[in-house]
Amino acid sequence: MRQLKDGWTIITNDGECSAHFEHTVAIDNLKPNILSSFELIEAEELKNENLNKHLIIKI
C-alpha cells in the first residue's frame, strides 16, 4: 500500500479494490465494550432480496 500526496488517500500496490473498517471500543471497568456493530446492517441485507452480495466493481 502507499499513500498519495494528498496525505489521506491510500491505494494498494496492485491497484485492486480494498476495504477498511474500524470499530469504536470503550473501556469500562477494565473490559472492552464494542460500541459499533454491523448486526443491524447484516439483518437488513438478509431482508433485501434484491441485494447482490457478489457484485464487484473494479475501478
C-alpha atoms as a PDB file:
ATOM      1  CA  MET A   1       0.000   0.000   0.000  1.00  0.00           C
ATOM      2  CA  ARG A   2       1.032   3.564  -0.458  1.00  0.00           C
ATOM      3  CA  GLN A   3      -0.262   6.970   0.487  1.00  0.00           C
ATOM      4  CA  LEU A   4      -0.921   9.597  -2.168  1.00  0.00           C
ATOM      5  CA  LYS A   5       0.357  13.176  -1.999  1.00  0.00           C
ATOM      6  CA  ASP A   6      -2.972  14.398  -0.584  1.00  0.00           C
ATOM      7  CA  GLY A   7      -1.910  12.785   2.714  1.00  0.00           C
ATOM      8  CA  TRP A   8      -5.197  10.879   3.021  1.00  0.00           C
ATOM      9  CA  THR A   9      -5.750   8.535   0.098  1.00  0.00           C
ATOM     10  CA  ILE A  10      -4.288   5.046   0.368  1.00  0.00           C
ATOM     11  CA  ILE A  11      -4.051   2.732  -2.637  1.00  0.00           C
ATOM     12  CA  THR A  12      -2.944  -0.878  -2.966  1.00  0.00           C
ATOM     13  CA  ASN A  13       0.275  -1.712  -4.784  1.00  0.00           C
ATOM     14  CA  ASP A  14      -1.587  -3.911  -7.274  1.00  0.00           C
ATOM     15  CA  GLY A  15      -4.358  -1.344  -7.899  1.00  0.00           C
ATOM     16  CA  GLU A  16      -7.098  -3.769  -6.819  1.00  0.00           C
ATOM     17  CA  CYS A  17     -10.109  -2.759  -4.729  1.00  0.00           C
ATOM     18  CA  SER A  18      -9.750  -2.890  -0.981  1.00  0.00           C
ATOM     19  CA  ALA A  19     -11.821  -2.019   2.079  1.00  0.00           C
ATOM     20  CA  HIS A  20     -11.131  -0.823   5.599  1.00  0.00           C
ATOM     21  CA  PHE A  21     -13.395  -0.576   8.594  1.00  0.00           C
ATOM     22  CA  GLU A  22     -12.984   0.216  12.252  1.00  0.00           C
ATOM     23  CA  HIS A  23     -14.830  -0.459  15.477  1.00  0.00           C
ATOM     24  CA  THR A  24     -15.467   2.008  18.280  1.00  0.00           C
ATOM     25  CA  VAL A  25     -14.421   0.477  21.590  1.00  0.00           C
ATOM     26  CA  ALA A  26     -14.939   1.830  25.102  1.00  0.00           C
ATOM     27  CA  ILE A  27     -13.019   0.515  28.083  1.00  0.00           C
ATOM     28  CA  ASP A  28     -15.312   0.165  31.112  1.00  0.00           C
ATOM     29  CA  ASN A  29     -14.174  -1.449  34.358  1.00  0.00           C
ATOM     30  CA  LEU A  30     -11.008  -2.522  32.519  1.00  0.00           C
ATOM     31  CA  LYS A  31     -13.062  -4.513  29.988  1.00  0.00           C
ATOM     32  CA  PRO A  32     -13.541  -3.639  26.296  1.00  0.00           C
ATOM     33  CA  ASN A  33     -17.069  -2.866  25.121  1.00  0.00           C
ATOM     34  CA  ILE A  34     -17.537  -2.803  21.332  1.00  0.00           C
ATOM     35  CA  LEU A  35     -19.899   0.098  20.599  1.00  0.00           C
ATOM     36  CA  SER A  36     -20.045  -0.266  16.827  1.00  0.00           C
ATOM     37  CA  SER A  37     -21.861  -3.202  15.363  1.00  0.00           C
ATOM     38  CA  PHE A  38     -22.761  -4.467  11.934  1.00  0.00           C
ATOM     39  CA  GLU A  39     -25.664  -6.584  13.201  1.00  0.00           C
ATOM     40  CA  LEU A  40     -28.292  -4.064  12.024  1.00  0.00           C
ATOM     41  CA  ILE A  41     -26.698  -3.768   8.586  1.00  0.00           C
ATOM     42  CA  GLU A  42     -26.405  -7.543   8.222  1.00  0.00           C
ATOM     43  CA  ALA A  43     -30.044  -8.008   9.270  1.00  0.00           C
ATOM     44  CA  GLU A  44     -31.170  -5.529   6.593  1.00  0.00           C
ATOM     45  CA  GLU A  45     -29.032  -7.277   3.987  1.00  0.00           C
ATOM     46  CA  LEU A  46     -30.737 -10.579   4.787  1.00  0.00           C
ATOM     47  CA  LYS A  47     -34.170  -8.955   4.325  1.00  0.00           C
ATOM     48  CA  ASN A  48     -33.278  -7.362   0.981  1.00  0.00           C
ATOM     49  CA  GLU A  49     -33.946  -9.949  -1.728  1.00  0.00           C
ATOM     50  CA  ASN A  50     -32.588  -7.631  -4.440  1.00  0.00           C
ATOM     51  CA  LEU A  51     -29.177  -7.248  -2.839  1.00  0.00           C
ATOM     52  CA  ASN A  52     -26.460  -8.806  -4.939  1.00  0.00           C
ATOM     53  CA  LYS A  53     -23.722  -9.713  -2.464  1.00  0.00           C
ATOM     54  CA  HIS A  54     -21.468 -10.873  -5.271  1.00  0.00           C
ATOM     55  CA  LEU A  55     -21.362  -7.554  -7.086  1.00  0.00           C
ATOM     56  CA  ILE A  56     -17.755  -6.465  -7.560  1.00  0.00           C
ATOM     57  CA  ILE A  57     -16.952  -3.095  -9.048  1.00  0.00           C
ATOM     58  CA  LYS A  58     -13.460  -2.631 -10.440  1.00  0.00           C
ATOM     59  CA  ILE A  59     -12.205   0.927 -10.657  1.00  0.00           C
END
